[in-house]
């Protein structure tokens, strides 16, 4: 009950902050996603955009919560390319990690008759010094394609691989393709 109340409060804050909330699924997993543009909340208008991301991934027999912050900016000289760097905290029942992450988003240069389409890749890694409890290391890789089919409504598909290595052995937490819907407010 406590998790449901916290999730409701978190996603209520997302909706009032005029940002995005999403859901992705496959046959075995469901993930709830949210992001807040901190520049909007702080009335900050510099070239760097600061993003607070959160997600909750439910898989067969395991759950993982992630909260991260990153700074991202467009790469000069490459129109449509945005790079981001940051860190996040990963919580699982017997695993805690603080991986560093890198993200790249590329808006495809398509003609105006095709909806805005982008490709995103994310990599996060925490060595043993940033992995706690029973964790030895953490790595995550995501590749995603996104299309804005209606104003502020996106459909996306992707692949994720999450490895949680424990002191007692290695474990692939998730290795799957998924599809989803994201709404921007």
N, C-alpha and C. Protein backbone atom coordinates (compact mmCIF):
# COMPACT_ATOMS: atom_id res chain seq x y z
N UNK A 1 0.82 -1.19 0.00
CA UNK A 1 0.00 0.00 0.00
C UNK A 1 0.87 1.26 0.00
N UNK A 2 1.98 1.21 0.76
CA UNK A 2 2.88 2.35 0.84
C UNK A 2 3.48 2.66 -0.54
N UNK A 3 3.84 1.60 -1.30
CA UNK A 3 4.42 1.80 -2.63
C UNK A 3 3.41 2.45 -3.58
N UNK A 4 2.15 2.04 -3.49
CA UNK A 4 1.12 2.61 -4.35
C UNK A 4 0.92 4.09 -4.05
N UNK A 5 0.90 4.46 -2.77
CA UNK A 5 0.73 5.86 -2.39
C UNK A 5 1.91 6.70 -2.87
N UNK A 6 3.14 6.20 -2.67
CA UNK A 6 4.32 6.93 -3.13
C UNK A 6 4.32 7.09 -4.65
N UNK A 7 3.97 6.02 -5.36
CA UNK A 7 3.92 6.10 -6.82
C UNK A 7 2.87 7.10 -7.28
N UNK A 8 1.72 7.12 -6.63
CA UNK A 8 0.66 8.06 -6.98
C UNK A 8 1.11 9.50 -6.77
N UNK A 9 1.76 9.77 -5.64
CA UNK A 9 2.26 11.12 -5.37
C UNK A 9 3.32 11.53 -6.39
N UNK A 10 4.21 10.59 -6.72
CA UNK A 10 5.28 10.89 -7.69
C UNK A 10 4.68 11.23 -9.05
N UNK A 11 3.76 10.40 -9.52
CA UNK A 11 3.20 10.63 -10.84
C UNK A 11 2.26 11.84 -10.87
N UNK A 12 1.67 12.20 -9.75
CA UNK A 12 0.90 13.44 -9.67
C UNK A 12 1.82 14.64 -9.86
N UNK A 13 2.99 14.58 -9.27
CA UNK A 13 3.97 15.65 -9.45
C UNK A 13 4.42 15.74 -10.90
N UNK A 14 4.57 14.59 -11.55
CA UNK A 14 4.95 14.60 -12.96
C UNK A 14 3.90 15.30 -13.82
N UNK A 15 2.64 14.99 -13.56
CA UNK A 15 1.58 15.57 -14.37
C UNK A 15 1.50 17.07 -14.18
N UNK A 16 1.69 17.56 -12.96
CA UNK A 16 1.61 19.00 -12.72
C UNK A 16 2.85 19.72 -13.23
N UNK A 17 3.94 19.03 -13.44
CA UNK A 17 5.17 19.66 -13.91
C UNK A 17 5.23 19.75 -15.43
N UNK A 18 4.18 19.31 -16.13
CA UNK A 18 4.10 19.37 -17.58
C UNK A 18 5.28 18.67 -18.24
N UNK A 19 5.44 17.40 -17.97
CA UNK A 19 6.50 16.64 -18.58
C UNK A 19 5.96 15.34 -19.14
N UNK A 20 6.60 14.20 -18.93
CA UNK A 20 6.12 12.99 -19.58
C UNK A 20 5.93 11.84 -18.62
N UNK A 21 5.03 10.97 -19.01
CA UNK A 21 4.77 9.74 -18.28
C UNK A 21 4.53 8.67 -19.34
N UNK A 22 5.01 7.44 -19.07
CA UNK A 22 4.88 6.41 -20.08
C UNK A 22 4.73 5.03 -19.48
N UNK A 23 4.41 4.10 -20.34
CA UNK A 23 4.22 2.71 -19.96
C UNK A 23 4.74 1.85 -21.10
N UNK A 24 5.58 0.86 -20.77
CA UNK A 24 5.98 -0.10 -21.79
C UNK A 24 5.75 -1.51 -21.28
N UNK A 25 5.44 -2.40 -22.21
CA UNK A 25 5.09 -3.76 -21.84
C UNK A 25 5.66 -4.75 -22.85
N UNK A 26 5.71 -6.01 -22.43
CA UNK A 26 5.88 -7.15 -23.31
C UNK A 26 5.14 -8.30 -22.64
N UNK A 27 5.36 -9.53 -23.05
CA UNK A 27 4.61 -10.66 -22.48
C UNK A 27 4.91 -10.92 -21.02
N UNK A 28 6.06 -10.48 -20.53
CA UNK A 28 6.48 -10.83 -19.17
C UNK A 28 6.75 -9.63 -18.26
N UNK A 29 6.87 -8.42 -18.81
CA UNK A 29 7.29 -7.26 -18.03
C UNK A 29 6.35 -6.09 -18.24
N UNK A 30 6.33 -5.21 -17.25
CA UNK A 30 5.66 -3.92 -17.38
C UNK A 30 6.56 -2.88 -16.70
N UNK A 31 6.70 -1.72 -17.35
CA UNK A 31 7.53 -0.65 -16.80
C UNK A 31 6.75 0.66 -16.86
N UNK A 32 6.76 1.38 -15.76
CA UNK A 32 6.15 2.71 -15.68
C UNK A 32 7.30 3.72 -15.67
N UNK A 33 7.22 4.73 -16.53
CA UNK A 33 8.30 5.70 -16.70
C UNK A 33 7.78 7.11 -16.45
N UNK A 34 8.65 7.97 -16.00
CA UNK A 34 8.30 9.37 -15.85
C UNK A 34 9.55 10.23 -15.91
N UNK A 35 9.39 11.45 -16.40
CA UNK A 35 10.51 12.39 -16.40
C UNK A 35 10.02 13.80 -16.17
N UNK A 36 10.85 14.57 -15.51
CA UNK A 36 10.56 15.97 -15.20
C UNK A 36 11.71 16.82 -15.70
N UNK A 37 11.39 17.86 -16.45
CA UNK A 37 12.37 18.84 -16.89
C UNK A 37 12.59 19.80 -15.72
N UNK A 38 13.70 19.67 -15.03
CA UNK A 38 13.96 20.50 -13.85
C UNK A 38 14.15 21.97 -14.19
N UNK A 39 14.54 22.26 -15.44
CA UNK A 39 14.69 23.66 -15.85
C UNK A 39 13.36 24.40 -15.75
N UNK A 40 12.26 23.71 -16.10
CA UNK A 40 10.93 24.31 -16.03
C UNK A 40 10.56 24.61 -14.59
N UNK A 41 10.84 23.68 -13.69
CA UNK A 41 10.49 23.87 -12.28
C UNK A 41 11.30 24.98 -11.64
N UNK A 42 12.57 25.11 -12.04
CA UNK A 42 13.46 26.09 -11.43
C UNK A 42 13.49 27.42 -12.19
N UNK A 43 12.72 27.50 -13.29
CA UNK A 43 12.74 28.70 -14.12
C UNK A 43 14.15 29.01 -14.60
N UNK A 44 14.86 27.98 -15.04
CA UNK A 44 16.26 28.07 -15.46
C UNK A 44 16.31 27.96 -16.97
N UNK A 45 16.94 28.90 -17.64
CA UNK A 45 16.97 28.90 -19.11
C UNK A 45 18.41 28.99 -19.61
N UNK A 46 19.16 27.93 -19.47
CA UNK A 46 20.52 27.86 -20.00
C UNK A 46 20.51 26.82 -21.11
N UNK A 47 21.63 26.58 -21.76
CA UNK A 47 21.70 25.61 -22.83
C UNK A 47 21.56 24.17 -22.35
N UNK A 48 21.96 23.88 -21.13
CA UNK A 48 21.87 22.53 -20.59
C UNK A 48 20.50 22.29 -19.99
N UNK A 49 19.92 21.14 -20.31
CA UNK A 49 18.63 20.75 -19.74
C UNK A 49 18.87 19.69 -18.69
N UNK A 50 18.32 19.89 -17.50
CA UNK A 50 18.48 18.93 -16.41
C UNK A 50 17.19 18.14 -16.28
N UNK A 51 17.31 16.82 -16.32
CA UNK A 51 16.16 15.92 -16.34
C UNK A 51 16.20 15.00 -15.13
N UNK A 52 15.07 14.86 -14.46
CA UNK A 52 14.89 13.88 -13.39
C UNK A 52 14.02 12.76 -13.96
N UNK A 53 14.56 11.54 -13.99
CA UNK A 53 13.85 10.38 -14.52
C UNK A 53 13.57 9.40 -13.40
N UNK A 54 12.45 8.70 -13.51
CA UNK A 54 12.13 7.62 -12.57
C UNK A 54 11.43 6.51 -13.33
N UNK A 55 11.65 5.28 -12.89
CA UNK A 55 10.97 4.15 -13.51
C UNK A 55 10.78 3.04 -12.48
N UNK A 56 9.77 2.23 -12.75
CA UNK A 56 9.49 1.05 -11.95
C UNK A 56 9.28 -0.10 -12.92
N UNK A 57 10.12 -1.12 -12.83
CA UNK A 57 10.08 -2.28 -13.72
C UNK A 57 9.65 -3.50 -12.93
N UNK A 58 8.53 -4.10 -13.35
CA UNK A 58 8.03 -5.33 -12.72
C UNK A 58 8.25 -6.48 -13.71
N UNK A 59 9.02 -7.46 -13.30
CA UNK A 59 9.27 -8.65 -14.11
C UNK A 59 8.80 -9.87 -13.33
N UNK A 60 8.88 -11.02 -13.95
CA UNK A 60 8.52 -12.26 -13.25
C UNK A 60 9.37 -12.43 -12.00
N UNK A 61 8.76 -12.28 -10.85
CA UNK A 61 9.44 -12.55 -9.59
C UNK A 61 10.37 -11.47 -9.08
N UNK A 62 10.51 -10.34 -9.77
CA UNK A 62 11.43 -9.31 -9.30
C UNK A 62 10.92 -7.93 -9.71
N UNK A 63 11.30 -6.94 -8.92
CA UNK A 63 10.94 -5.55 -9.19
C UNK A 63 12.18 -4.68 -9.05
N UNK A 64 12.23 -3.62 -9.85
CA UNK A 64 13.35 -2.70 -9.79
C UNK A 64 12.84 -1.27 -9.93
N UNK A 65 13.32 -0.39 -9.07
CA UNK A 65 12.98 1.03 -9.12
C UNK A 65 14.26 1.81 -9.41
N UNK A 66 14.16 2.80 -10.27
CA UNK A 66 15.32 3.63 -10.61
C UNK A 66 14.92 5.10 -10.57
N UNK A 67 15.80 5.92 -10.01
CA UNK A 67 15.63 7.37 -9.98
C UNK A 67 16.97 7.97 -10.41
N UNK A 68 16.93 8.83 -11.43
CA UNK A 68 18.19 9.38 -11.93
C UNK A 68 18.08 10.84 -12.29
N UNK A 69 19.23 11.48 -12.40
CA UNK A 69 19.30 12.87 -12.82
C UNK A 69 20.41 12.98 -13.86
N UNK A 70 20.14 13.77 -14.90
CA UNK A 70 21.14 13.94 -15.94
C UNK A 70 21.08 15.34 -16.51
N UNK A 71 22.18 15.74 -17.09
CA UNK A 71 22.25 16.99 -17.83
C UNK A 71 22.42 16.63 -19.29
N UNK A 72 21.66 17.28 -20.16
CA UNK A 72 21.79 16.98 -21.58
C UNK A 72 21.77 18.24 -22.40
N UNK A 73 22.42 18.16 -23.55
CA UNK A 73 22.57 19.31 -24.42
C UNK A 73 22.73 18.82 -25.84
N UNK A 74 22.36 19.67 -26.80
CA UNK A 74 22.56 19.31 -28.20
C UNK A 74 24.04 19.42 -28.52
N UNK A 75 24.49 18.54 -29.39
CA UNK A 75 25.89 18.53 -29.80
C UNK A 75 26.04 19.50 -30.97
N UNK A 76 26.88 20.50 -30.79
CA UNK A 76 27.08 21.47 -31.85
C UNK A 76 27.71 20.80 -33.06
N UNK A 77 27.26 21.16 -34.23
CA UNK A 77 27.81 20.61 -35.45
C UNK A 77 27.08 19.36 -35.95
N UNK A 78 26.21 18.76 -35.11
CA UNK A 78 25.43 17.60 -35.53
C UNK A 78 23.97 17.89 -35.23
N UNK A 79 23.25 18.46 -36.18
CA UNK A 79 21.84 18.79 -35.94
C UNK A 79 21.03 17.54 -35.56
N UNK A 80 20.21 17.69 -34.54
CA UNK A 80 19.34 16.60 -34.12
C UNK A 80 19.93 15.66 -33.09
N UNK A 81 21.21 15.81 -32.73
CA UNK A 81 21.84 14.92 -31.76
C UNK A 81 21.94 15.59 -30.40
N UNK A 82 21.42 14.90 -29.38
CA UNK A 82 21.50 15.37 -28.00
C UNK A 82 22.24 14.32 -27.18
N UNK A 83 23.18 14.76 -26.37
CA UNK A 83 23.94 13.87 -25.49
C UNK A 83 23.63 14.22 -24.05
N UNK A 84 23.54 13.20 -23.21
CA UNK A 84 23.28 13.41 -21.79
C UNK A 84 24.16 12.53 -20.93
N UNK A 85 24.53 13.05 -19.78
CA UNK A 85 25.35 12.31 -18.81
C UNK A 85 24.78 12.54 -17.42
N UNK A 86 24.85 11.51 -16.57
CA UNK A 86 24.34 11.65 -15.22
C UNK A 86 24.54 10.40 -14.40
N UNK A 87 23.73 10.26 -13.38
CA UNK A 87 23.79 9.11 -12.48
C UNK A 87 22.38 8.77 -12.04
N UNK A 88 22.21 7.55 -11.58
CA UNK A 88 20.92 7.17 -11.03
C UNK A 88 21.11 6.17 -9.90
N UNK A 89 20.06 5.98 -9.15
CA UNK A 89 20.08 5.02 -8.04
C UNK A 89 19.12 3.90 -8.41
N UNK A 90 19.60 2.66 -8.30
CA UNK A 90 18.82 1.47 -8.64
C UNK A 90 18.50 0.73 -7.35
N UNK A 91 17.21 0.46 -7.12
CA UNK A 91 16.76 -0.27 -5.95
C UNK A 91 16.10 -1.57 -6.40
N UNK A 92 16.53 -2.69 -5.84
CA UNK A 92 15.85 -3.98 -6.00
C UNK A 92 15.80 -4.59 -4.61
N UNK A 93 15.13 -5.72 -4.45
CA UNK A 93 14.93 -6.29 -3.12
C UNK A 93 16.25 -6.57 -2.39
N UNK A 94 17.26 -7.04 -3.08
CA UNK A 94 18.54 -7.34 -2.43
C UNK A 94 19.72 -6.71 -3.17
N UNK A 95 19.46 -5.62 -3.88
CA UNK A 95 20.46 -5.00 -4.71
C UNK A 95 20.29 -3.50 -4.68
N UNK A 96 21.39 -2.77 -4.55
CA UNK A 96 21.39 -1.31 -4.60
C UNK A 96 22.63 -0.89 -5.37
N UNK A 97 22.46 -0.02 -6.36
CA UNK A 97 23.59 0.43 -7.16
C UNK A 97 23.41 1.90 -7.52
N UNK A 98 24.52 2.58 -7.76
CA UNK A 98 24.52 3.98 -8.20
C UNK A 98 25.34 4.06 -9.48
N UNK A 99 24.73 3.66 -10.61
CA UNK A 99 25.49 3.68 -11.86
C UNK A 99 25.60 5.07 -12.47
N UNK A 100 26.69 5.29 -13.18
CA UNK A 100 26.86 6.47 -14.01
C UNK A 100 26.25 6.13 -15.36
N UNK A 101 25.68 7.11 -16.04
CA UNK A 101 25.00 6.80 -17.29
C UNK A 101 25.31 7.82 -18.37
N UNK A 102 25.17 7.35 -19.61
CA UNK A 102 25.32 8.19 -20.79
C UNK A 102 24.14 7.90 -21.71
N UNK A 103 23.65 8.96 -22.37
CA UNK A 103 22.48 8.82 -23.23
C UNK A 103 22.70 9.62 -24.50
N UNK A 104 22.26 9.07 -25.61
CA UNK A 104 22.29 9.78 -26.88
C UNK A 104 20.92 9.70 -27.53
N UNK A 105 20.42 10.84 -28.01
CA UNK A 105 19.13 10.90 -28.69
C UNK A 105 19.36 11.58 -30.03
N UNK A 106 18.90 10.92 -31.10
CA UNK A 106 19.07 11.48 -32.44
C UNK A 106 17.71 11.59 -33.12
N UNK A 107 17.31 12.80 -33.44
CA UNK A 107 16.07 13.03 -34.18
C UNK A 107 16.38 12.86 -35.66
N UNK A 108 15.73 11.89 -36.28
CA UNK A 108 16.01 11.58 -37.68
C UNK A 108 15.60 12.73 -38.59
N UNK A 109 16.45 13.06 -39.55
CA UNK A 109 16.15 14.19 -40.46
C UNK A 109 15.20 13.75 -41.58
N UNK A 110 13.95 13.49 -41.24
CA UNK A 110 12.95 13.06 -42.21
C UNK A 110 12.18 14.27 -42.72
N UNK A 111 11.45 14.10 -43.82
CA UNK A 111 10.68 15.23 -44.34
C UNK A 111 9.49 15.53 -43.44
N UNK A 112 8.84 16.66 -43.68
CA UNK A 112 7.76 17.14 -42.80
C UNK A 112 6.51 16.28 -42.82
N UNK A 113 6.34 15.43 -43.83
CA UNK A 113 5.14 14.60 -43.90
C UNK A 113 5.23 13.37 -43.00
N UNK A 114 6.40 13.09 -42.44
CA UNK A 114 6.60 11.96 -41.53
C UNK A 114 6.70 12.51 -40.11
N UNK A 115 5.95 11.92 -39.16
CA UNK A 115 6.01 12.42 -37.77
C UNK A 115 7.44 12.38 -37.22
N UNK A 116 7.69 13.24 -36.23
CA UNK A 116 9.01 13.29 -35.60
C UNK A 116 9.38 11.91 -35.07
N UNK A 117 10.52 11.42 -35.51
CA UNK A 117 11.01 10.09 -35.14
C UNK A 117 12.41 10.23 -34.60
N UNK A 118 12.69 9.54 -33.50
CA UNK A 118 14.02 9.62 -32.90
C UNK A 118 14.51 8.25 -32.48
N UNK A 119 15.81 8.13 -32.37
CA UNK A 119 16.48 6.94 -31.85
C UNK A 119 17.20 7.33 -30.57
N UNK A 120 17.13 6.47 -29.56
CA UNK A 120 17.79 6.75 -28.29
C UNK A 120 18.57 5.53 -27.85
N UNK A 121 19.73 5.78 -27.30
CA UNK A 121 20.54 4.71 -26.72
C UNK A 121 21.01 5.17 -25.35
N UNK A 122 20.93 4.26 -24.37
CA UNK A 122 21.34 4.57 -23.01
C UNK A 122 22.25 3.46 -22.51
N UNK A 123 23.30 3.86 -21.81
CA UNK A 123 24.19 2.90 -21.17
C UNK A 123 24.46 3.37 -19.75
N UNK A 124 24.32 2.46 -18.79
CA UNK A 124 24.60 2.78 -17.38
C UNK A 124 25.46 1.67 -16.80
N UNK A 125 26.42 2.05 -15.95
CA UNK A 125 27.32 1.06 -15.37
C UNK A 125 27.72 1.47 -13.96
N UNK A 126 27.67 0.51 -13.05
CA UNK A 126 28.15 0.71 -11.67
C UNK A 126 29.12 -0.42 -11.35
N UNK A 127 30.41 -0.11 -11.15
CA UNK A 127 31.35 -1.16 -10.72
C UNK A 127 31.08 -1.54 -9.27
N UNK A 128 31.84 -2.44 -8.75
CA UNK A 128 31.60 -2.95 -7.39
C UNK A 128 31.64 -1.83 -6.34
N UNK A 129 32.44 -0.79 -6.56
CA UNK A 129 32.54 0.29 -5.58
C UNK A 129 31.23 1.10 -5.50
N UNK A 130 30.40 1.04 -6.56
CA UNK A 130 29.12 1.74 -6.57
C UNK A 130 27.93 0.78 -6.47
N UNK A 131 28.19 -0.47 -6.09
CA UNK A 131 27.14 -1.48 -5.90
C UNK A 131 27.14 -1.90 -4.44
N UNK A 132 25.95 -1.98 -3.86
CA UNK A 132 25.85 -2.21 -2.42
C UNK A 132 24.95 -3.40 -2.12
N UNK A 133 24.84 -3.71 -0.85
CA UNK A 133 24.12 -4.88 -0.34
C UNK A 133 24.78 -6.12 -0.92
N UNK A 134 24.04 -6.96 -1.63
CA UNK A 134 24.62 -8.17 -2.20
C UNK A 134 25.16 -7.96 -3.60
N UNK A 135 25.12 -6.72 -4.11
CA UNK A 135 25.52 -6.44 -5.48
C UNK A 135 27.02 -6.33 -5.66
N UNK A 136 27.48 -6.78 -6.83
CA UNK A 136 28.89 -6.68 -7.18
C UNK A 136 29.10 -5.68 -8.33
N UNK A 137 28.17 -5.64 -9.29
CA UNK A 137 28.20 -4.64 -10.35
C UNK A 137 26.83 -4.59 -11.03
N UNK A 138 26.63 -3.54 -11.80
CA UNK A 138 25.36 -3.34 -12.49
C UNK A 138 25.66 -2.77 -13.86
N UNK A 139 24.98 -3.27 -14.89
CA UNK A 139 25.09 -2.68 -16.22
C UNK A 139 23.73 -2.72 -16.89
N UNK A 140 23.48 -1.69 -17.69
CA UNK A 140 22.20 -1.56 -18.38
C UNK A 140 22.45 -0.98 -19.76
N UNK A 141 21.80 -1.56 -20.75
CA UNK A 141 21.87 -1.05 -22.12
C UNK A 141 20.45 -1.00 -22.67
N UNK A 142 20.10 0.15 -23.28
CA UNK A 142 18.79 0.33 -23.91
C UNK A 142 18.96 0.93 -25.28
N UNK A 143 18.16 0.45 -26.21
CA UNK A 143 18.10 1.02 -27.55
C UNK A 143 16.62 1.17 -27.87
N UNK A 144 16.21 2.38 -28.30
CA UNK A 144 14.78 2.66 -28.44
C UNK A 144 14.51 3.54 -29.66
N UNK A 145 13.39 3.27 -30.34
CA UNK A 145 12.90 4.11 -31.44
C UNK A 145 11.57 4.70 -31.00
N UNK A 146 11.39 6.00 -31.24
CA UNK A 146 10.22 6.74 -30.76
C UNK A 146 9.62 7.54 -31.90
N UNK A 147 8.29 7.56 -31.99
CA UNK A 147 7.61 8.37 -33.00
C UNK A 147 6.45 9.12 -32.34
N UNK A 148 6.39 10.43 -32.60
CA UNK A 148 5.28 11.25 -32.09
C UNK A 148 4.13 11.16 -33.09
N UNK A 149 3.16 10.28 -32.82
CA UNK A 149 2.08 10.02 -33.77
C UNK A 149 0.98 11.08 -33.73
N UNK A 150 0.76 11.68 -32.58
CA UNK A 150 -0.17 12.78 -32.38
C UNK A 150 0.58 13.77 -31.49
N UNK A 151 0.24 15.05 -31.55
CA UNK A 151 0.92 16.02 -30.68
C UNK A 151 0.94 15.52 -29.24
N UNK A 152 2.13 15.42 -28.66
CA UNK A 152 2.37 15.00 -27.28
C UNK A 152 2.04 13.54 -26.99
N UNK A 153 1.81 12.73 -28.01
CA UNK A 153 1.58 11.30 -27.82
C UNK A 153 2.61 10.54 -28.65
N UNK A 154 3.42 9.74 -27.96
CA UNK A 154 4.49 9.00 -28.62
C UNK A 154 4.25 7.50 -28.47
N UNK A 155 4.58 6.75 -29.53
CA UNK A 155 4.67 5.31 -29.40
C UNK A 155 6.15 4.97 -29.55
N UNK A 156 6.57 3.92 -28.87
CA UNK A 156 7.98 3.56 -28.96
C UNK A 156 8.15 2.06 -28.83
N UNK A 157 9.28 1.59 -29.30
CA UNK A 157 9.66 0.20 -29.17
C UNK A 157 11.15 0.17 -28.88
N UNK A 158 11.58 -0.87 -28.20
CA UNK A 158 12.99 -0.91 -27.86
C UNK A 158 13.44 -2.26 -27.34
N UNK A 159 14.70 -2.28 -26.97
CA UNK A 159 15.34 -3.46 -26.41
C UNK A 159 16.12 -3.01 -25.18
N UNK A 160 16.07 -3.82 -24.10
CA UNK A 160 16.85 -3.50 -22.90
C UNK A 160 17.53 -4.77 -22.40
N UNK A 161 18.72 -4.56 -21.86
CA UNK A 161 19.47 -5.64 -21.22
C UNK A 161 19.97 -5.08 -19.89
N UNK A 162 19.54 -5.70 -18.80
CA UNK A 162 19.96 -5.27 -17.46
C UNK A 162 20.63 -6.45 -16.78
N UNK A 163 21.91 -6.29 -16.44
CA UNK A 163 22.66 -7.32 -15.72
C UNK A 163 22.95 -6.85 -14.31
N UNK A 164 22.53 -7.63 -13.34
CA UNK A 164 22.83 -7.36 -11.94
C UNK A 164 23.74 -8.47 -11.45
N UNK A 165 24.99 -8.16 -11.28
CA UNK A 165 25.97 -9.15 -10.84
C UNK A 165 26.08 -9.11 -9.33
N UNK A 166 25.90 -10.26 -8.72
CA UNK A 166 25.94 -10.40 -7.27
C UNK A 166 27.28 -10.98 -6.85
N UNK A 167 27.59 -10.83 -5.58
CA UNK A 167 28.82 -11.42 -5.04
C UNK A 167 28.81 -12.93 -5.19
N UNK A 168 27.60 -13.53 -5.16
CA UNK A 168 27.49 -14.99 -5.25
C UNK A 168 27.33 -15.47 -6.69
N UNK A 169 27.19 -14.59 -7.66
CA UNK A 169 27.03 -15.01 -9.05
C UNK A 169 26.36 -13.93 -9.88
N UNK A 170 26.38 -14.13 -11.19
CA UNK A 170 25.83 -13.16 -12.11
C UNK A 170 24.37 -13.48 -12.39
N UNK A 171 23.59 -12.42 -12.67
CA UNK A 171 22.16 -12.59 -12.93
C UNK A 171 21.72 -11.56 -13.97
N UNK A 172 21.13 -12.04 -15.06
CA UNK A 172 20.53 -11.14 -16.04
C UNK A 172 19.14 -10.80 -15.53
N UNK A 173 18.97 -9.58 -15.06
CA UNK A 173 17.69 -9.15 -14.49
C UNK A 173 16.62 -9.07 -15.57
N UNK A 174 16.99 -8.53 -16.74
CA UNK A 174 16.02 -8.40 -17.82
C UNK A 174 16.76 -8.35 -19.14
N UNK A 175 16.24 -9.06 -20.12
CA UNK A 175 16.79 -9.08 -21.47
C UNK A 175 15.61 -9.25 -22.41
N UNK A 176 15.05 -8.11 -22.90
CA UNK A 176 13.79 -8.23 -23.63
C UNK A 176 13.54 -7.05 -24.57
N UNK A 177 12.65 -7.31 -25.52
CA UNK A 177 12.10 -6.27 -26.37
C UNK A 177 10.81 -5.79 -25.73
N UNK A 178 10.41 -4.57 -26.02
CA UNK A 178 9.20 -4.01 -25.43
C UNK A 178 8.60 -2.97 -26.37
N UNK A 179 7.37 -2.59 -26.09
CA UNK A 179 6.70 -1.53 -26.81
C UNK A 179 5.90 -0.70 -25.83
N UNK A 180 5.65 0.55 -26.17
CA UNK A 180 4.94 1.37 -25.20
C UNK A 180 4.36 2.65 -25.76
N UNK A 181 3.79 3.41 -24.84
CA UNK A 181 3.13 4.67 -25.13
C UNK A 181 3.61 5.69 -24.10
N UNK A 182 3.88 6.91 -24.58
CA UNK A 182 4.33 7.98 -23.69
C UNK A 182 3.51 9.23 -23.97
N UNK A 183 3.08 9.90 -22.91
CA UNK A 183 2.31 11.14 -23.02
C UNK A 183 3.12 12.29 -22.45
N UNK A 184 3.15 13.40 -23.16
CA UNK A 184 3.82 14.61 -22.68
C UNK A 184 2.77 15.61 -22.26
N UNK A 185 3.04 16.32 -21.17
CA UNK A 185 2.07 17.28 -20.64
C UNK A 185 2.68 18.67 -20.55
